[in-house]
C-alpha cells in the first residue's frame, strides 16, 4: 500500500513537480529492470550503470538485521527489497506514483511487505531520529536539491546513522554533451564552476550535480563525517543499456561516485 504524504503537483516546488511528471512518464521503461533487480538474492546485488557487484562497493552494511532503513527516491524499490531480505525494517519514499505502483505490485509478487510513501525526500513525514541508514542510488541523490534533502536526511537519521549514496561522477558530468542521448566524450565539455542544477537539452526534468567540494561542505555542515568516497572502475566485460555512457570510457574514468557518511554522535 502506498501512502500519500505530499500535496498534489500544484503544491510542490517547481523542480519536484517537474520530476514527478517526468518519472511518471519514464516509469514504464523501468518495469523490466525492477522485476530483474527484485529477483536478486542477498549477495547477488549489483549497482549503477554497469552492475558493479555489492562485494566491490559494499553499499549495504553487513549489520543490517534489525536496523531501521529508508530508501530516498526508491523508484521500484528493489534496493529496499534487498535491505528487507537482509533483515532491515525498511521504508521507501518516492516522488512518482507510477514508480510506486510498480513497487507495490512487485511487493505482492515477491511476498515482501514494507511501507511505501509517495513523497518528496526534501520534506519527509518521518519523525526526528527515525532511521539508522538512509540510502539512495540515482534517487534523491540525483533528483532532489541537495541543499534541502541532505539536512532532511540528517534530521531523520539517528546519531551514528549512515547515509550511502551513488550518483554520476563529476568527471562524467563534465564530459557529457548537452544532448542527454549523446555519448560522453574524452574531453571536458561543461564548466566545473557553477555546476549544480541541470536541465538537459530537450528535457523538463531537473538533476542536481554538486561538485566534490559542495558535497563535502553539505555533509560536514549538517552533522556528517565522511567515511569513504568510492570511484569504482566498472568490471571488465560488463555492459549498460544507457547509450550515453560507453564501456570503453567507464574503464578509463569513473562514471559513478559513492559517498558514505555517518551522522556524528552515538556510540
C-alpha atoms as a PDB file:
ATOM      1  CA  UNK A   1       0.000   0.000   0.000  1.00  0.00           C
ATOM      2  CA  UNK A   2       1.279   3.437  -0.958  1.00  0.00           C
ATOM      3  CA  UNK A   3       0.746   6.288   1.482  1.00  0.00           C
ATOM      4  CA  UNK A   4       0.346   9.867   0.206  1.00  0.00           C
ATOM      5  CA  UNK A   5       2.340  12.407   2.210  1.00  0.00           C
ATOM      6  CA  UNK A   6       2.552  15.397  -0.110  1.00  0.00           C
ATOM      7  CA  UNK A   7       0.039  17.697  -1.784  1.00  0.00           C
ATOM      8  CA  UNK A   8      -0.732  17.352  -5.463  1.00  0.00           C
ATOM      9  CA  UNK A   9       1.734  18.644  -8.012  1.00  0.00           C
ATOM     10  CA  UNK A  10       0.342  22.175  -7.776  1.00  0.00           C
ATOM     11  CA  UNK A  11       1.616  22.423  -4.191  1.00  0.00           C
ATOM     12  CA  UNK A  12       5.108  21.087  -4.889  1.00  0.00           C
ATOM     13  CA  UNK A  13       8.300  23.047  -5.579  1.00  0.00           C
ATOM     14  CA  UNK A  14       8.763  23.549  -9.317  1.00  0.00           C
ATOM     15  CA  UNK A  15      11.599  21.051  -9.730  1.00  0.00           C
ATOM     16  CA  UNK A  16       9.804  18.426  -7.625  1.00  0.00           C
ATOM     17  CA  UNK A  17       6.646  18.742  -9.724  1.00  0.00           C
ATOM     18  CA  UNK A  18       8.669  18.592 -12.946  1.00  0.00           C
ATOM     19  CA  UNK A  19      10.475  15.451 -11.805  1.00  0.00           C
ATOM     20  CA  UNK A  20       7.236  13.796 -10.711  1.00  0.00           C
ATOM     21  CA  UNK A  21       5.742  14.356 -14.150  1.00  0.00           C
ATOM     22  CA  UNK A  22       8.908  13.167 -15.877  1.00  0.00           C
ATOM     23  CA  UNK A  23       9.244   9.995 -13.827  1.00  0.00           C
ATOM     24  CA  UNK A  24       5.591   9.123 -14.211  1.00  0.00           C
ATOM     25  CA  UNK A  25       6.377   9.196 -17.923  1.00  0.00           C
ATOM     26  CA  UNK A  26       9.621   7.206 -17.569  1.00  0.00           C
ATOM     27  CA  UNK A  27       8.159   4.585 -15.221  1.00  0.00           C
ATOM     28  CA  UNK A  28       7.113   2.053 -17.860  1.00  0.00           C
ATOM     29  CA  UNK A  29      10.720   1.933 -19.095  1.00  0.00           C
ATOM     30  CA  UNK A  30      11.903   0.696 -15.683  1.00  0.00           C
ATOM     31  CA  UNK A  31       9.402  -2.101 -15.054  1.00  0.00           C
ATOM     32  CA  UNK A  32      11.573  -4.854 -16.540  1.00  0.00           C
ATOM     33  CA  UNK A  33      14.666  -3.654 -14.675  1.00  0.00           C
ATOM     34  CA  UNK A  34      12.682  -3.515 -11.457  1.00  0.00           C
ATOM     35  CA  UNK A  35      11.484  -7.073 -11.947  1.00  0.00           C
ATOM     36  CA  UNK A  36      15.029  -8.256 -12.595  1.00  0.00           C
ATOM     37  CA  UNK A  37      16.512  -6.467  -9.591  1.00  0.00           C
ATOM     38  CA  UNK A  38      13.765  -7.589  -7.221  1.00  0.00           C
ATOM     39  CA  UNK A  39      14.654 -11.189  -8.063  1.00  0.00           C
ATOM     40  CA  UNK A  40      18.234 -10.873  -6.793  1.00  0.00           C
ATOM     41  CA  UNK A  41      19.062 -12.843  -3.658  1.00  0.00           C
ATOM     42  CA  UNK A  42      21.253 -11.493  -0.838  1.00  0.00           C
ATOM     43  CA  UNK A  43      24.844 -11.462  -2.036  1.00  0.00           C
ATOM     44  CA  UNK A  44      23.840 -11.044  -5.697  1.00  0.00           C
ATOM     45  CA  UNK A  45      23.138  -7.296  -5.576  1.00  0.00           C
ATOM     46  CA  UNK A  46      24.761  -5.044  -8.171  1.00  0.00           C
ATOM     47  CA  UNK A  47      24.901  -1.272  -8.507  1.00  0.00           C
ATOM     48  CA  UNK A  48      24.917   1.510 -11.034  1.00  0.00           C
ATOM     49  CA  UNK A  49      25.003   1.672 -14.801  1.00  0.00           C
ATOM     50  CA  UNK A  50      27.239  -1.395 -15.271  1.00  0.00           C
ATOM     51  CA  UNK A  51      26.167  -3.570 -12.343  1.00  0.00           C
ATOM     52  CA  UNK A  52      29.176  -3.234 -10.055  1.00  0.00           C
ATOM     53  CA  UNK A  53      28.964  -6.099  -7.528  1.00  0.00           C
ATOM     54  CA  UNK A  54      27.990  -5.351  -3.956  1.00  0.00           C
ATOM     55  CA  UNK A  55      31.155  -7.166  -2.848  1.00  0.00           C
ATOM     56  CA  UNK A  56      33.192  -4.429  -4.561  1.00  0.00           C
ATOM     57  CA  UNK A  57      31.403  -1.330  -3.236  1.00  0.00           C
ATOM     58  CA  UNK A  58      29.621  -2.519  -0.052  1.00  0.00           C
ATOM     59  CA  UNK A  59      26.740  -0.080  -0.284  1.00  0.00           C
ATOM     60  CA  UNK A  60      24.841  -2.306   2.150  1.00  0.00           C
ATOM     61  CA  UNK A  61      26.258  -2.585   5.679  1.00  0.00           C
ATOM     62  CA  UNK A  62      26.923  -6.106   6.935  1.00  0.00           C
ATOM     63  CA  UNK A  63      24.887  -5.444  10.077  1.00  0.00           C
ATOM     64  CA  UNK A  64      21.501  -4.561   8.546  1.00  0.00           C
ATOM     65  CA  UNK A  65      19.478  -7.025  10.611  1.00  0.00           C
ATOM     66  CA  UNK A  66      17.130  -5.185  12.965  1.00  0.00           C
ATOM     67  CA  UNK A  67      18.026  -1.707  11.683  1.00  0.00           C
ATOM     68  CA  UNK A  68      15.548   0.919  10.513  1.00  0.00           C
ATOM     69  CA  UNK A  69      16.432   1.834   6.925  1.00  0.00           C
ATOM     70  CA  UNK A  70      14.975   4.214   4.367  1.00  0.00           C
ATOM     71  CA  UNK A  71      15.498   4.437   0.614  1.00  0.00           C
ATOM     72  CA  UNK A  72      15.282   8.048  -0.535  1.00  0.00           C
ATOM     73  CA  UNK A  73      13.857   8.061  -4.045  1.00  0.00           C
ATOM     74  CA  UNK A  74      13.164   4.332  -4.105  1.00  0.00           C
ATOM     75  CA  UNK A  75      11.624   4.047  -7.583  1.00  0.00           C
ATOM     76  CA  UNK A  76      10.567   0.430  -7.997  1.00  0.00           C
ATOM     77  CA  UNK A  77      12.057  -0.215  -4.522  1.00  0.00           C
ATOM     78  CA  UNK A  78      14.411  -3.047  -5.380  1.00  0.00           C
ATOM     79  CA  UNK A  79      17.123  -1.667  -3.071  1.00  0.00           C
ATOM     80  CA  UNK A  80      14.518  -1.563  -0.314  1.00  0.00           C
ATOM     81  CA  UNK A  81      13.731  -5.213  -1.067  1.00  0.00           C
ATOM     82  CA  UNK A  82      17.420  -6.101  -0.836  1.00  0.00           C
ATOM     83  CA  UNK A  83      17.651  -4.452   2.578  1.00  0.00           C
ATOM     84  CA  UNK A  84      14.461  -6.138   3.796  1.00  0.00           C
ATOM     85  CA  UNK A  85      15.808  -9.542   2.806  1.00  0.00           C
ATOM     86  CA  UNK A  86      18.914  -8.777   4.871  1.00  0.00           C
ATOM     87  CA  UNK A  87      16.739  -8.200   7.935  1.00  0.00           C
ATOM     88  CA  UNK A  88      16.233  -4.432   7.977  1.00  0.00           C
ATOM     89  CA  UNK A  89      12.947  -2.714   8.795  1.00  0.00           C
ATOM     90  CA  UNK A  90      12.591  -0.791   5.552  1.00  0.00           C
ATOM     91  CA  UNK A  91      10.673   2.244   4.347  1.00  0.00           C
ATOM     92  CA  UNK A  92      10.657   3.501   0.769  1.00  0.00           C
ATOM     93  CA  UNK A  93       9.742   7.015  -0.358  1.00  0.00           C
ATOM     94  CA  UNK A  94       9.471   8.218  -3.939  1.00  0.00           C
ATOM     95  CA  UNK A  95       8.105  11.191  -5.858  1.00  0.00           C
ATOM     96  CA  UNK A  96       6.460   9.188  -8.678  1.00  0.00           C
ATOM     97  CA  UNK A  97       3.083   7.481  -8.221  1.00  0.00           C
ATOM     98  CA  UNK A  98       3.704   5.296 -11.274  1.00  0.00           C
ATOM     99  CA  UNK A  99       7.051   4.074  -9.967  1.00  0.00           C
ATOM    100  CA  UNK A 100       5.461   3.230  -6.626  1.00  0.00           C
ATOM    101  CA  UNK A 101       2.650   1.378  -8.407  1.00  0.00           C
ATOM    102  CA  UNK A 102       5.295  -0.939  -9.859  1.00  0.00           C
ATOM    103  CA  UNK A 103       6.954  -1.252  -6.442  1.00  0.00           C
ATOM    104  CA  UNK A 104       3.660  -2.212  -4.768  1.00  0.00           C
ATOM    105  CA  UNK A 105       2.941  -4.845  -7.419  1.00  0.00           C
ATOM    106  CA  UNK A 106       6.411  -6.343  -7.025  1.00  0.00           C
ATOM    107  CA  UNK A 107       5.928  -6.468  -3.262  1.00  0.00           C
ATOM    108  CA  UNK A 108       2.868  -8.646  -3.814  1.00  0.00           C
ATOM    109  CA  UNK A 109       4.619 -10.856  -6.368  1.00  0.00           C
ATOM    110  CA  UNK A 110       7.558 -11.476  -4.017  1.00  0.00           C
ATOM    111  CA  UNK A 111       5.569 -11.636  -0.773  1.00  0.00           C
ATOM    112  CA  UNK A 112       7.643  -8.877   0.796  1.00  0.00           C
ATOM    113  CA  UNK A 113       5.822  -6.019   2.542  1.00  0.00           C
ATOM    114  CA  UNK A 114       7.228  -2.718   3.779  1.00  0.00           C
ATOM    115  CA  UNK A 115       5.839   0.851   3.797  1.00  0.00           C
ATOM    116  CA  UNK A 116       5.925   2.828   0.546  1.00  0.00           C
ATOM    117  CA  UNK A 117       5.352   6.578   0.740  1.00  0.00           C
ATOM    118  CA  UNK A 118       4.520   8.940  -2.093  1.00  0.00           C
ATOM    119  CA  UNK A 119       6.535  11.969  -1.128  1.00  0.00           C
ATOM    120  CA  UNK A 120       9.476  14.237  -1.622  1.00  0.00           C
ATOM    121  CA  UNK A 121      12.813  13.375   0.015  1.00  0.00           C
ATOM    122  CA  UNK A 122      13.337  17.088   0.638  1.00  0.00           C
ATOM    123  CA  UNK A 123      10.408  17.076   3.054  1.00  0.00           C
ATOM    124  CA  UNK A 124       9.544  13.715   4.580  1.00  0.00           C
ATOM    125  CA  UNK A 125       6.772  12.872   7.064  1.00  0.00           C
ATOM    126  CA  UNK A 126       9.067  10.994   9.429  1.00  0.00           C
ATOM    127  CA  UNK A 127       9.964  11.950  12.990  1.00  0.00           C
ATOM    128  CA  UNK A 128      13.416  13.098  14.009  1.00  0.00           C
ATOM    129  CA  UNK A 129      15.943  10.286  14.526  1.00  0.00           C
ATOM    130  CA  UNK A 130      13.748   7.587  12.943  1.00  0.00           C
ATOM    131  CA  UNK A 131      16.373   5.658  10.950  1.00  0.00           C
ATOM    132  CA  UNK A 132      19.775   4.002  11.238  1.00  0.00           C
ATOM    133  CA  UNK A 133      20.510   4.008   7.499  1.00  0.00           C
ATOM    134  CA  UNK A 134      19.446   6.123   4.528  1.00  0.00           C
ATOM    135  CA  UNK A 135      20.396   5.042   1.034  1.00  0.00           C
ATOM    136  CA  UNK A 136      19.970   6.423  -2.471  1.00  0.00           C
ATOM    137  CA  UNK A 137      21.077   5.015  -5.832  1.00  0.00           C
ATOM    138  CA  UNK A 138      20.217   7.579  -8.515  1.00  0.00           C
ATOM    139  CA  UNK A 139      17.220   8.602  -6.420  1.00  0.00           C
ATOM    140  CA  UNK A 140      17.075  11.678  -4.222  1.00  0.00           C
ATOM    141  CA  UNK A 141      20.847  11.986  -4.600  1.00  0.00           C
ATOM    142  CA  UNK A 142      20.338  12.987  -8.258  1.00  0.00           C
ATOM    143  CA  UNK A 143      16.767  14.282  -8.474  1.00  0.00           C
ATOM    144  CA  UNK A 144      16.345  16.301  -5.267  1.00  0.00           C
ATOM    145  CA  UNK A 145      18.023  19.542  -4.206  1.00  0.00           C
ATOM    146  CA  UNK A 146      20.990  18.529  -2.008  1.00  0.00           C
ATOM    147  CA  UNK A 147      20.802  21.814  -0.102  1.00  0.00           C
ATOM    148  CA  UNK A 148      17.388  20.615   1.113  1.00  0.00           C
ATOM    149  CA  UNK A 149      17.460  16.823   1.169  1.00  0.00           C
ATOM    150  CA  UNK A 150      20.838  16.442   2.919  1.00  0.00           C
ATOM    151  CA  UNK A 151      19.711  18.330   6.071  1.00  0.00           C
ATOM    152  CA  UNK A 152      16.425  16.421   5.909  1.00  0.00           C
ATOM    153  CA  UNK A 153      18.347  13.136   5.853  1.00  0.00           C
ATOM    154  CA  UNK A 154      20.384  14.339   8.813  1.00  0.00           C
ATOM    155  CA  UNK A 155      17.161  15.134  10.684  1.00  0.00           C
ATOM    156  CA  UNK A 156      15.610  11.693  10.261  1.00  0.00           C
ATOM    157  CA  UNK A 157      18.822   9.765  10.961  1.00  0.00           C
ATOM    158  CA  UNK A 158      19.830   8.802  14.492  1.00  0.00           C
ATOM    159  CA  UNK A 159      23.237   9.746  15.878  1.00  0.00           C
ATOM    160  CA  UNK A 160      25.690   7.324  14.317  1.00  0.00           C
ATOM    161  CA  UNK A 161      23.285   6.693  11.433  1.00  0.00           C
ATOM    162  CA  UNK A 162      24.739   6.135   7.989  1.00  0.00           C
ATOM    163  CA  UNK A 163      23.955   7.717   4.632  1.00  0.00           C
ATOM    164  CA  UNK A 164      25.149   5.925   1.484  1.00  0.00           C
ATOM    165  CA  UNK A 165      24.553   7.423  -1.964  1.00  0.00           C
ATOM    166  CA  UNK A 166      25.519   6.564  -5.552  1.00  0.00           C
ATOM    167  CA  UNK A 167      25.291   9.047  -8.421  1.00  0.00           C
ATOM    168  CA  UNK A 168      27.037  10.224 -11.595  1.00  0.00           C
ATOM    169  CA  UNK A 169      30.697  11.055 -11.136  1.00  0.00           C
ATOM    170  CA  UNK A 170      31.634  14.689 -11.546  1.00  0.00           C
ATOM    171  CA  UNK A 171      34.051  13.759 -14.357  1.00  0.00           C
ATOM    172  CA  UNK A 172      31.340  12.007 -16.375  1.00  0.00           C
ATOM    173  CA  UNK A 173      29.144  15.075 -15.956  1.00  0.00           C
ATOM    174  CA  UNK A 174      31.868  17.421 -17.190  1.00  0.00           C
ATOM    175  CA  UNK A 175      32.460  15.240 -20.257  1.00  0.00           C
ATOM    176  CA  UNK A 176      28.768  14.960 -21.198  1.00  0.00           C
ATOM    177  CA  UNK A 177      27.287  16.901 -24.145  1.00  0.00           C
ATOM    178  CA  UNK A 178      24.083  18.891 -23.686  1.00  0.00           C
ATOM    179  CA  UNK A 179      22.181  16.234 -25.631  1.00  0.00           C
ATOM    180  CA  UNK A 180      21.306  13.624 -22.965  1.00  0.00           C
ATOM    181  CA  UNK A 181      21.371  10.815 -25.549  1.00  0.00           C
ATOM    182  CA  UNK A 182      24.788  11.691 -26.993  1.00  0.00           C
ATOM    183  CA  UNK A 183      27.723   9.611 -25.727  1.00  0.00           C
ATOM    184  CA  UNK A 184      30.124  11.007 -23.177  1.00  0.00           C
ATOM    185  CA  UNK A 185      33.325  12.368 -24.729  1.00  0.00           C
ATOM    186  CA  UNK A 186      37.023  12.223 -23.880  1.00  0.00           C
ATOM    187  CA  UNK A 187      37.266  15.958 -23.212  1.00  0.00           C
ATOM    188  CA  UNK A 188      35.759  18.487 -20.860  1.00  0.00           C
ATOM    189  CA  UNK A 189      32.571  19.973 -22.282  1.00  0.00           C
ATOM    190  CA  UNK A 190      30.981  21.638 -19.274  1.00  0.00           C
ATOM    191  CA  UNK A 191      32.266  24.146 -16.698  1.00  0.00           C
ATOM    192  CA  UNK A 192      33.147  22.889 -13.247  1.00  0.00           C
ATOM    193  CA  UNK A 193      32.374  26.216 -11.622  1.00  0.00           C
ATOM    194  CA  UNK A 194      28.655  26.726 -11.384  1.00  0.00           C
ATOM    195  CA  UNK A 195      27.672  23.091 -11.900  1.00  0.00           C
ATOM    196  CA  UNK A 196      24.682  22.013  -9.865  1.00  0.00           C
ATOM    197  CA  UNK A 197      21.068  22.292 -11.037  1.00  0.00           C
ATOM    198  CA  UNK A 198      20.891  20.888 -14.585  1.00  0.00           C
ATOM    199  CA  UNK A 199      18.163  20.566 -17.209  1.00  0.00           C
ATOM    200  CA  UNK A 200      19.452  18.711 -20.269  1.00  0.00           C
ATOM    201  CA  UNK A 201      18.548  19.828 -23.785  1.00  0.00           C
ATOM    202  CA  UNK A 202      15.014  18.809 -24.701  1.00  0.00           C
ATOM    203  CA  UNK A 203      14.196  17.659 -21.151  1.00  0.00           C
ATOM    204  CA  UNK A 204      11.943  19.080 -18.442  1.00  0.00           C
ATOM    205  CA  UNK A 205      13.275  17.056 -15.515  1.00  0.00           C
ATOM    206  CA  UNK A 206      15.812  18.636 -13.159  1.00  0.00           C
ATOM    207  CA  UNK A 207      19.009  16.940 -11.977  1.00  0.00           C
ATOM    208  CA  UNK A 208      21.480  18.089  -9.338  1.00  0.00           C
ATOM    209  CA  UNK A 209      25.224  17.607  -9.776  1.00  0.00           C
ATOM    210  CA  UNK A 210      27.216  19.084  -6.883  1.00  0.00           C
ATOM    211  CA  UNK A 211      30.986  19.351  -7.061  1.00  0.00           C
ATOM    212  CA  UNK A 212      33.058  17.280  -4.642  1.00  0.00           C
ATOM    213  CA  UNK A 213      33.647  20.450  -2.652  1.00  0.00           C
ATOM    214  CA  UNK A 214      29.891  21.046  -2.493  1.00  0.00           C
ATOM    215  CA  UNK A 215      29.285  17.537  -1.186  1.00  0.00           C
ATOM    216  CA  UNK A 216      31.975  17.860   1.484  1.00  0.00           C
ATOM    217  CA  UNK A 217      30.593  21.207   2.644  1.00  0.00           C
ATOM    218  CA  UNK A 218      26.983  19.966   2.736  1.00  0.00           C
ATOM    219  CA  UNK A 219      27.794  16.784   4.615  1.00  0.00           C
ATOM    220  CA  UNK A 220      30.001  18.451   7.216  1.00  0.00           C
ATOM    221  CA  UNK A 221      27.694  21.450   7.721  1.00  0.00           C
ATOM    222  CA  UNK A 222      24.800  19.135   8.521  1.00  0.00           C
ATOM    223  CA  UNK A 223      26.499  16.937  11.059  1.00  0.00           C
ATOM    224  CA  UNK A 224      28.015  14.168   8.948  1.00  0.00           C
ATOM    225  CA  UNK A 225      31.520  12.808   8.883  1.00  0.00           C
ATOM    226  CA  UNK A 226      32.699  11.348   5.590  1.00  0.00           C
ATOM    227  CA  UNK A 227      33.827   7.747   5.951  1.00  0.00           C
ATOM    228  CA  UNK A 228      34.502   6.854   2.310  1.00  0.00           C
ATOM    229  CA  UNK A 229      34.399   8.162  -1.252  1.00  0.00           C
ATOM    230  CA  UNK A 230      34.443   5.383  -3.846  1.00  0.00           C
ATOM    231  CA  UNK A 231      35.077   5.919  -7.561  1.00  0.00           C
ATOM    232  CA  UNK A 232      34.657   2.363  -8.882  1.00  0.00           C
ATOM    233  CA  UNK A 233      36.038   1.192 -12.196  1.00  0.00           C
ATOM    234  CA  UNK A 234      33.376  -0.837 -13.974  1.00  0.00           C
ATOM    235  CA  UNK A 235      34.049  -4.585 -14.073  1.00  0.00           C
ATOM    236  CA  UNK A 236      35.759  -5.984 -17.149  1.00  0.00           C
ATOM    237  CA  UNK A 237      33.377  -7.281 -19.812  1.00  0.00           C
ATOM    238  CA  UNK A 238      30.257  -5.570 -18.477  1.00  0.00           C
ATOM    239  CA  UNK A 239      27.743  -3.512 -20.441  1.00  0.00           C
ATOM    240  CA  UNK A 240      24.995  -0.977 -19.879  1.00  0.00           C
ATOM    241  CA  UNK A 241      21.684  -0.120 -21.501  1.00  0.00           C
ATOM    242  CA  UNK A 242      22.432   3.609 -21.218  1.00  0.00           C
ATOM    243  CA  UNK A 243      23.717   4.765 -24.608  1.00  0.00           C
ATOM    244  CA  UNK A 244      25.290   7.961 -23.261  1.00  0.00           C
ATOM    245  CA  UNK A 245      27.915   6.043 -21.254  1.00  0.00           C
ATOM    246  CA  UNK A 246      30.282   3.677 -23.050  1.00  0.00           C
ATOM    247  CA  UNK A 247      32.154   0.738 -21.595  1.00  0.00           C
ATOM    248  CA  UNK A 248      35.459   1.996 -23.002  1.00  0.00           C
ATOM    249  CA  UNK A 249      35.011   5.362 -21.278  1.00  0.00           C
ATOM    250  CA  UNK A 250      33.988   3.816 -17.966  1.00  0.00           C
ATOM    251  CA  UNK A 251      37.042   1.562 -17.941  1.00  0.00           C
ATOM    252  CA  UNK A 252      39.306   4.632 -18.181  1.00  0.00           C
ATOM    253  CA  UNK A 253      37.486   7.140 -15.979  1.00  0.00           C
ATOM    254  CA  UNK A 254      34.937   6.822 -13.146  1.00  0.00           C
ATOM    255  CA  UNK A 255      31.361   7.171 -14.352  1.00  0.00           C
ATOM    256  CA  UNK A 256      29.937   6.985 -10.818  1.00  0.00           C
ATOM    257  CA  UNK A 257      30.808   8.023  -7.296  1.00  0.00           C
ATOM    258  CA  UNK A 258      29.673   6.629  -3.963  1.00  0.00           C
ATOM    259  CA  UNK A 259      29.667   8.713  -0.808  1.00  0.00           C
ATOM    260  CA  UNK A 260      29.404   7.034   2.572  1.00  0.00           C
ATOM    261  CA  UNK A 261      28.890   9.332   5.549  1.00  0.00           C
ATOM    262  CA  UNK A 262      27.929   8.921   9.184  1.00  0.00           C
ATOM    263  CA  UNK A 263      25.944  11.272  11.397  1.00  0.00           C
ATOM    264  CA  UNK A 264      28.089  12.479  14.262  1.00  0.00           C
ATOM    265  CA  UNK A 265      27.175  11.324  17.741  1.00  0.00           C
ATOM    266  CA  UNK A 266      26.202   7.935  19.063  1.00  0.00           C
ATOM    267  CA  UNK A 267      28.490   5.137  20.053  1.00  0.00           C
END
